[in-house]
């Protein structure tokens, strides 16, 4: 017996995502990784408060990106 949660993708559906969603996902991950690297660089260069500020962007970028991907994927 297989139960699925509405709004979730099966593995086969996840692999067949459109190229625009893949590009969006990669852009979001790149922005979050870049923010993390800038944050670490600022922290270790002595700008601790600025590093903390930029570091707080990472979960925000991922959260907004996730919201974007969820709403964009549900309109198909």
PDB file of N, CA and C in Angstrom:
ATOM      1  N   UNK A   1       0.837  -1.174   0.000  1.00  0.00           N
ATOM      2  CA  UNK A   1       0.000   0.000   0.000  1.00  0.00           C
ATOM      3  C   UNK A   1       0.881   1.236   0.000  1.00  0.00           C
ATOM      4  N   UNK A   2       0.684   2.082  -0.976  1.00  0.00           N
ATOM      5  CA  UNK A   2       1.513   3.274  -1.112  1.00  0.00           C
ATOM      6  C   UNK A   2       0.668   4.510  -0.854  1.00  0.00           C
ATOM      7  N   UNK A   3       1.122   5.313   0.084  1.00  0.00           N
ATOM      8  CA  UNK A   3       0.435   6.571   0.345  1.00  0.00           C
ATOM      9  C   UNK A   3       1.364   7.705  -0.024  1.00  0.00           C
ATOM     10  N   UNK A   4       0.793   8.727  -0.614  1.00  0.00           N
ATOM     11  CA  UNK A   4       1.604   9.891  -0.956  1.00  0.00           C
ATOM     12  C   UNK A   4       0.952  11.139  -0.390  1.00  0.00           C
ATOM     13  N   UNK A   5       1.778  12.065  -0.033  1.00  0.00           N
ATOM     14  CA  UNK A   5       1.310  13.325   0.514  1.00  0.00           C
ATOM     15  C   UNK A   5       1.034  14.270  -0.643  1.00  0.00           C
ATOM     16  N   UNK A   6      -0.140  14.890  -0.674  1.00  0.00           N
ATOM     17  CA  UNK A   6      -0.432  15.827  -1.763  1.00  0.00           C
ATOM     18  C   UNK A   6       0.601  16.955  -1.805  1.00  0.00           C
ATOM     19  N   UNK A   7       1.026  17.294  -3.004  1.00  0.00           N
ATOM     20  CA  UNK A   7       1.983  18.380  -3.165  1.00  0.00           C
ATOM     21  C   UNK A   7       3.437  17.948  -3.116  1.00  0.00           C
ATOM     22  N   UNK A   8       3.690  16.655  -2.868  1.00  0.00           N
ATOM     23  CA  UNK A   8       5.067  16.177  -2.860  1.00  0.00           C
ATOM     24  C   UNK A   8       5.345  15.416  -4.139  1.00  0.00           C
ATOM     25  N   UNK A   9       6.580  15.441  -4.554  1.00  0.00           N
ATOM     26  CA  UNK A   9       6.964  14.787  -5.803  1.00  0.00           C
ATOM     27  C   UNK A   9       7.514  13.398  -5.512  1.00  0.00           C
ATOM     28  N   UNK A  10       7.180  12.467  -6.377  1.00  0.00           N
ATOM     29  CA  UNK A  10       7.779  11.142  -6.293  1.00  0.00           C
ATOM     30  C   UNK A  10       9.189  11.230  -6.867  1.00  0.00           C
ATOM     31  N   UNK A  11      10.052  10.249  -6.606  1.00  0.00           N
ATOM     32  CA  UNK A  11      11.406  10.311  -7.154  1.00  0.00           C
ATOM     33  C   UNK A  11      11.440  10.458  -8.675  1.00  0.00           C
ATOM     34  N   UNK A  12      10.523   9.795  -9.384  1.00  0.00           N
ATOM     35  CA  UNK A  12      10.522   9.918 -10.841  1.00  0.00           C
ATOM     36  C   UNK A  12      10.105  11.315 -11.279  1.00  0.00           C
ATOM     37  N   UNK A  13       9.172  11.940 -10.541  1.00  0.00           N
ATOM     38  CA  UNK A  13       8.771  13.305 -10.861  1.00  0.00           C
ATOM     39  C   UNK A  13       9.886  14.291 -10.543  1.00  0.00           C
ATOM     40  N   UNK A  14      10.617  14.050  -9.465  1.00  0.00           N
ATOM     41  CA  UNK A  14      11.697  14.953  -9.084  1.00  0.00           C
ATOM     42  C   UNK A  14      12.821  14.935 -10.115  1.00  0.00           C
ATOM     43  N   UNK A  15      13.082  13.785 -10.706  1.00  0.00           N
ATOM     44  CA  UNK A  15      14.137  13.689 -11.715  1.00  0.00           C
ATOM     45  C   UNK A  15      13.737  14.365 -13.008  1.00  0.00           C
ATOM     46  N   UNK A  16      12.443  14.459 -13.283  1.00  0.00           N
ATOM     47  CA  UNK A  16      11.994  15.043 -14.537  1.00  0.00           C
ATOM     48  C   UNK A  16      11.594  16.503 -14.378  1.00  0.00           C
ATOM     49  N   UNK A  17      12.246  17.217 -13.448  1.00  0.00           N
ATOM     50  CA  UNK A  17      11.916  18.622 -13.267  1.00  0.00           C
ATOM     51  C   UNK A  17      12.367  19.421 -14.473  1.00  0.00           C
ATOM     52  N   UNK A  18      11.666  20.505 -14.706  1.00  0.00           N
ATOM     53  CA  UNK A  18      11.951  21.309 -15.884  1.00  0.00           C
ATOM     54  C   UNK A  18      13.310  21.988 -15.757  1.00  0.00           C
ATOM     55  N   UNK A  19      13.925  22.320 -16.886  1.00  0.00           N
ATOM     56  CA  UNK A  19      15.235  22.994 -16.841  1.00  0.00           C
ATOM     57  C   UNK A  19      15.182  24.336 -16.122  1.00  0.00           C
ATOM     58  N   UNK A  20      14.056  25.049 -16.201  1.00  0.00           N
ATOM     59  CA  UNK A  20      13.979  26.337 -15.521  1.00  0.00           C
ATOM     60  C   UNK A  20      13.973  26.162 -14.003  1.00  0.00           C
ATOM     61  N   UNK A  21      13.325  25.088 -13.508  1.00  0.00           N
ATOM     62  CA  UNK A  21      13.358  24.830 -12.067  1.00  0.00           C
ATOM     63  C   UNK A  21      14.739  24.397 -11.618  1.00  0.00           C
ATOM     64  N   UNK A  22      15.429  23.641 -12.449  1.00  0.00           N
ATOM     65  CA  UNK A  22      16.790  23.221 -12.117  1.00  0.00           C
ATOM     66  C   UNK A  22      17.708  24.438 -12.058  1.00  0.00           C
ATOM     67  N   UNK A  23      17.560  25.346 -13.006  1.00  0.00           N
ATOM     68  CA  UNK A  23      18.370  26.563 -13.018  1.00  0.00           C
ATOM     69  C   UNK A  23      18.062  27.424 -11.796  1.00  0.00           C
ATOM     70  N   UNK A  24      16.788  27.528 -11.445  1.00  0.00           N
ATOM     71  CA  UNK A  24      16.391  28.303 -10.269  1.00  0.00           C
ATOM     72  C   UNK A  24      16.963  27.675  -9.000  1.00  0.00           C
ATOM     73  N   UNK A  25      16.876  26.354  -8.891  1.00  0.00           N
ATOM     74  CA  UNK A  25      17.400  25.653  -7.722  1.00  0.00           C
ATOM     75  C   UNK A  25      18.905  25.870  -7.594  1.00  0.00           C
ATOM     76  N   UNK A  26      19.620  25.771  -8.708  1.00  0.00           N
ATOM     77  CA  UNK A  26      21.068  25.971  -8.682  1.00  0.00           C
ATOM     78  C   UNK A  26      21.422  27.411  -8.323  1.00  0.00           C
ATOM     79  N   UNK A  27      20.650  28.370  -8.810  1.00  0.00           N
ATOM     80  CA  UNK A  27      20.898  29.777  -8.489  1.00  0.00           C
ATOM     81  C   UNK A  27      20.685  30.049  -7.004  1.00  0.00           C
ATOM     82  N   UNK A  28      19.648  29.462  -6.433  1.00  0.00           N
ATOM     83  CA  UNK A  28      19.371  29.638  -5.012  1.00  0.00           C
ATOM     84  C   UNK A  28      20.492  29.037  -4.173  1.00  0.00           C
ATOM     85  N   UNK A  29      20.919  27.837  -4.525  1.00  0.00           N
ATOM     86  CA  UNK A  29      22.002  27.201  -3.775  1.00  0.00           C
ATOM     87  C   UNK A  29      23.311  27.969  -3.921  1.00  0.00           C
ATOM     88  N   UNK A  30      23.571  28.503  -5.114  1.00  0.00           N
ATOM     89  CA  UNK A  30      24.780  29.305  -5.326  1.00  0.00           C
ATOM     90  C   UNK A  30      24.740  30.566  -4.463  1.00  0.00           C
ATOM     91  N   UNK A  31      23.599  31.241  -4.415  1.00  0.00           N
ATOM     92  CA  UNK A  31      23.476  32.464  -3.615  1.00  0.00           C
ATOM     93  C   UNK A  31      23.683  32.168  -2.131  1.00  0.00           C
ATOM     94  N   UNK A  32      23.125  31.067  -1.650  1.00  0.00           N
ATOM     95  CA  UNK A  32      23.289  30.700  -0.241  1.00  0.00           C
ATOM     96  C   UNK A  32      24.746  30.344   0.065  1.00  0.00           C
ATOM     97  N   UNK A  33      25.390  29.597  -0.829  1.00  0.00           N
ATOM     98  CA  UNK A  33      26.790  29.221  -0.622  1.00  0.00           C
ATOM     99  C   UNK A  33      27.692  30.451  -0.673  1.00  0.00           C
ATOM    100  N   UNK A  34      27.422  31.360  -1.605  1.00  0.00           N
ATOM    101  CA  UNK A  34      28.220  32.584  -1.697  1.00  0.00           C
ATOM    102  C   UNK A  34      28.066  33.416  -0.430  1.00  0.00           C
ATOM    103  N   UNK A  35      26.853  33.503   0.086  1.00  0.00           N
ATOM    104  CA  UNK A  35      26.611  34.239   1.319  1.00  0.00           C
ATOM    105  C   UNK A  35      27.368  33.614   2.485  1.00  0.00           C
ATOM    106  N   UNK A  36      27.371  32.298   2.555  1.00  0.00           N
ATOM    107  CA  UNK A  36      28.100  31.606   3.616  1.00  0.00           C
ATOM    108  C   UNK A  36      29.595  31.876   3.519  1.00  0.00           C
ATOM    109  N   UNK A  37      30.139  31.807   2.316  1.00  0.00           N
ATOM    110  CA  UNK A  37      31.576  32.047   2.145  1.00  0.00           C
ATOM    111  C   UNK A  37      31.957  33.490   2.479  1.00  0.00           C
ATOM    112  N   UNK A  38      31.147  34.440   2.065  1.00  0.00           N
ATOM    113  CA  UNK A  38      31.413  35.845   2.396  1.00  0.00           C
ATOM    114  C   UNK A  38      31.326  36.049   3.904  1.00  0.00           C
ATOM    115  N   UNK A  39      30.358  35.409   4.534  1.00  0.00           N
ATOM    116  CA  UNK A  39      30.205  35.508   5.979  1.00  0.00           C
ATOM    117  C   UNK A  39      31.438  34.978   6.720  1.00  0.00           C
ATOM    118  N   UNK A  40      31.909  33.830   6.311  1.00  0.00           N
ATOM    119  CA  UNK A  40      33.097  33.243   6.943  1.00  0.00           C
ATOM    120  C   UNK A  40      34.325  34.121   6.707  1.00  0.00           C
ATOM    121  N   UNK A  41      34.468  34.647   5.494  1.00  0.00           N
ATOM    122  CA  UNK A  41      35.601  35.525   5.197  1.00  0.00           C
ATOM    123  C   UNK A  41      35.555  36.785   6.058  1.00  0.00           C
ATOM    124  N   UNK A  42      34.375  37.373   6.208  1.00  0.00           N
ATOM    125  CA  UNK A  42      34.253  38.562   7.052  1.00  0.00           C
ATOM    126  C   UNK A  42      34.558  38.243   8.511  1.00  0.00           C
ATOM    127  N   UNK A  43      34.046  37.120   8.980  1.00  0.00           N
ATOM    128  CA  UNK A  43      34.262  36.716  10.378  1.00  0.00           C
ATOM    129  C   UNK A  43      35.743  36.584  10.687  1.00  0.00           C
ATOM    130  N   UNK A  44      36.477  35.861   9.830  1.00  0.00           N
ATOM    131  CA  UNK A  44      37.890  35.606  10.104  1.00  0.00           C
ATOM    132  C   UNK A  44      38.799  36.775   9.749  1.00  0.00           C
ATOM    133  N   UNK A  45      38.274  37.771   9.039  1.00  0.00           N
ATOM    134  CA  UNK A  45      39.082  38.956   8.769  1.00  0.00           C
ATOM    135  C   UNK A  45      38.886  40.021   9.844  1.00  0.00           C
ATOM    136  N   UNK A  46      38.139  39.698  10.879  1.00  0.00           N
ATOM    137  CA  UNK A  46      37.975  40.601  12.003  1.00  0.00           C
ATOM    138  C   UNK A  46      36.694  41.417  11.980  1.00  0.00           C
ATOM    139  N   UNK A  47      35.914  41.302  10.950  1.00  0.00           N
ATOM    140  CA  UNK A  47      34.641  42.019  10.855  1.00  0.00           C
ATOM    141  C   UNK A  47      33.518  41.095  11.323  1.00  0.00           C
ATOM    142  N   UNK A  48      33.501  40.821  12.607  1.00  0.00           N
ATOM    143  CA  UNK A  48      32.597  39.811  13.152  1.00  0.00           C
ATOM    144  C   UNK A  48      31.127  40.195  13.028  1.00  0.00           C
ATOM    145  N   UNK A  49      30.784  41.428  13.312  1.00  0.00           N
ATOM    146  CA  UNK A  49      29.375  41.822  13.223  1.00  0.00           C
ATOM    147  C   UNK A  49      28.867  41.750  11.790  1.00  0.00           C
ATOM    148  N   UNK A  50      29.686  42.186  10.844  1.00  0.00           N
ATOM    149  CA  UNK A  50      29.285  42.102   9.438  1.00  0.00           C
ATOM    150  C   UNK A  50      29.163  40.644   8.999  1.00  0.00           C
ATOM    151  N   UNK A  51      30.076  39.803   9.500  1.00  0.00           N
ATOM    152  CA  UNK A  51      30.014  38.378   9.189  1.00  0.00           C
ATOM    153  C   UNK A  51      28.742  37.727   9.702  1.00  0.00           C
ATOM    154  N   UNK A  52      28.335  38.111  10.911  1.00  0.00           N
ATOM    155  CA  UNK A  52      27.076  37.589  11.451  1.00  0.00           C
ATOM    156  C   UNK A  52      25.885  38.077  10.633  1.00  0.00           C
ATOM    157  N   UNK A  53      25.919  39.340  10.236  1.00  0.00           N
ATOM    158  CA  UNK A  53      24.826  39.902   9.449  1.00  0.00           C
ATOM    159  C   UNK A  53      24.683  39.164   8.124  1.00  0.00           C
ATOM    160  N   UNK A  54      25.779  38.982   7.421  1.00  0.00           N
ATOM    161  CA  UNK A  54      25.730  38.281   6.128  1.00  0.00           C
ATOM    162  C   UNK A  54      25.383  36.811   6.338  1.00  0.00           C
ATOM    163  N   UNK A  55      25.837  36.216   7.423  1.00  0.00           N
ATOM    164  CA  UNK A  55      25.523  34.822   7.716  1.00  0.00           C
ATOM    165  C   UNK A  55      24.040  34.584   7.928  1.00  0.00           C
ATOM    166  N   UNK A  56      23.333  35.604   8.401  1.00  0.00           N
ATOM    167  CA  UNK A  56      21.892  35.471   8.585  1.00  0.00           C
ATOM    168  C   UNK A  56      21.139  35.432   7.262  1.00  0.00           C
ATOM    169  N   UNK A  57      21.790  35.799   6.192  1.00  0.00           N
ATOM    170  CA  UNK A  57      21.147  35.746   4.883  1.00  0.00           C
ATOM    171  C   UNK A  57      20.947  34.309   4.412  1.00  0.00           C
ATOM    172  N   UNK A  58      21.808  33.400   4.815  1.00  0.00           N
ATOM    173  CA  UNK A  58      21.768  32.025   4.296  1.00  0.00           C
ATOM    174  C   UNK A  58      20.405  31.365   4.522  1.00  0.00           C
ATOM    175  N   UNK A  59      19.892  31.289   5.752  1.00  0.00           N
ATOM    176  CA  UNK A  59      18.580  30.647   5.914  1.00  0.00           C
ATOM    177  C   UNK A  59      17.460  31.437   5.239  1.00  0.00           C
ATOM    178  N   UNK A  60      17.616  32.758   5.162  1.00  0.00           N
ATOM    179  CA  UNK A  60      16.595  33.571   4.490  1.00  0.00           C
ATOM    180  C   UNK A  60      16.556  33.265   2.999  1.00  0.00           C
ATOM    181  N   UNK A  61      17.726  33.178   2.379  1.00  0.00           N
ATOM    182  CA  UNK A  61      17.802  32.859   0.949  1.00  0.00           C
ATOM    183  C   UNK A  61      17.210  31.479   0.694  1.00  0.00           C
ATOM    184  N   UNK A  62      17.573  30.510   1.536  1.00  0.00           N
ATOM    185  CA  UNK A  62      17.052  29.156   1.348  1.00  0.00           C
ATOM    186  C   UNK A  62      15.544  29.092   1.583  1.00  0.00           C
ATOM    187  N   UNK A  63      15.047  29.822   2.578  1.00  0.00           N
ATOM    188  CA  UNK A  63      13.618  29.817   2.850  1.00  0.00           C
ATOM    189  C   UNK A  63      12.802  30.448   1.731  1.00  0.00           C
ATOM    190  N   UNK A  64      13.232  31.621   1.274  1.00  0.00           N
ATOM    191  CA  UNK A  64      12.523  32.288   0.184  1.00  0.00           C
ATOM    192  C   UNK A  64      12.652  31.475  -1.102  1.00  0.00           C
ATOM    193  N   UNK A  65      13.823  30.885  -1.321  1.00  0.00           N
ATOM    194  CA  UNK A  65      14.013  30.042  -2.501  1.00  0.00           C
ATOM    195  C   UNK A  65      13.116  28.823  -2.473  1.00  0.00           C
ATOM    196  N   UNK A  66      12.983  28.219  -1.302  1.00  0.00           N
ATOM    197  CA  UNK A  66      12.106  27.058  -1.164  1.00  0.00           C
ATOM    198  C   UNK A  66      10.655  27.447  -1.430  1.00  0.00           C
ATOM    199  N   UNK A  67      10.243  28.584  -0.896  1.00  0.00           N
ATOM    200  CA  UNK A  67       8.892  29.074  -1.151  1.00  0.00           C
ATOM    201  C   UNK A  67       8.672  29.308  -2.646  1.00  0.00           C
ATOM    202  N   UNK A  68       9.650  29.907  -3.297  1.00  0.00           N
ATOM    203  CA  UNK A  68       9.556  30.149  -4.729  1.00  0.00           C
ATOM    204  C   UNK A  68       9.424  28.846  -5.501  1.00  0.00           C
ATOM    205  N   UNK A  69      10.262  27.868  -5.161  1.00  0.00           N
ATOM    206  CA  UNK A  69      10.222  26.594  -5.881  1.00  0.00           C
ATOM    207  C   UNK A  69       8.913  25.846  -5.630  1.00  0.00           C
ATOM    208  N   UNK A  70       8.393  25.919  -4.419  1.00  0.00           N
ATOM    209  CA  UNK A  70       7.134  25.238  -4.108  1.00  0.00           C
ATOM    210  C   UNK A  70       5.963  25.880  -4.856  1.00  0.00           C
ATOM    211  N   UNK A  71       5.903  27.198  -4.881  1.00  0.00           N
ATOM    212  CA  UNK A  71       4.804  27.856  -5.563  1.00  0.00           C
ATOM    213  C   UNK A  71       4.949  27.742  -7.075  1.00  0.00           C
ATOM    214  N   UNK A  72       6.166  27.771  -7.537  1.00  0.00           N
ATOM    215  CA  UNK A  72       6.400  27.651  -8.992  1.00  0.00           C
ATOM    216  C   UNK A  72       6.074  26.241  -9.470  1.00  0.00           C
ATOM    217  N   UNK A  73       6.409  25.228  -8.670  1.00  0.00           N
ATOM    218  CA  UNK A  73       6.148  23.846  -9.040  1.00  0.00           C
ATOM    219  C   UNK A  73       4.674  23.478  -8.978  1.00  0.00           C
ATOM    220  N   UNK A  74       3.894  24.175  -8.149  1.00  0.00           N
ATOM    221  CA  UNK A  74       2.484  23.825  -8.008  1.00  0.00           C
ATOM    222  C   UNK A  74       1.626  24.430  -9.118  1.00  0.00           C
ATOM    223  N   UNK A  75       2.172  25.334  -9.922  1.00  0.00           N
ATOM    224  CA  UNK A  75       1.382  25.947 -10.984  1.00  0.00           C
ATOM    225  C   UNK A  75       1.417  25.138 -12.269  1.00  0.00           C
ATOM    226  N   UNK A  76       2.208  24.074 -12.309  1.00  0.00           N
ATOM    227  CA  UNK A  76       2.296  23.267 -13.529  1.00  0.00           C
ATOM    228  C   UNK A  76       1.084  22.457 -13.742  1.00  0.00           C
TER     229      UNK A  76
END
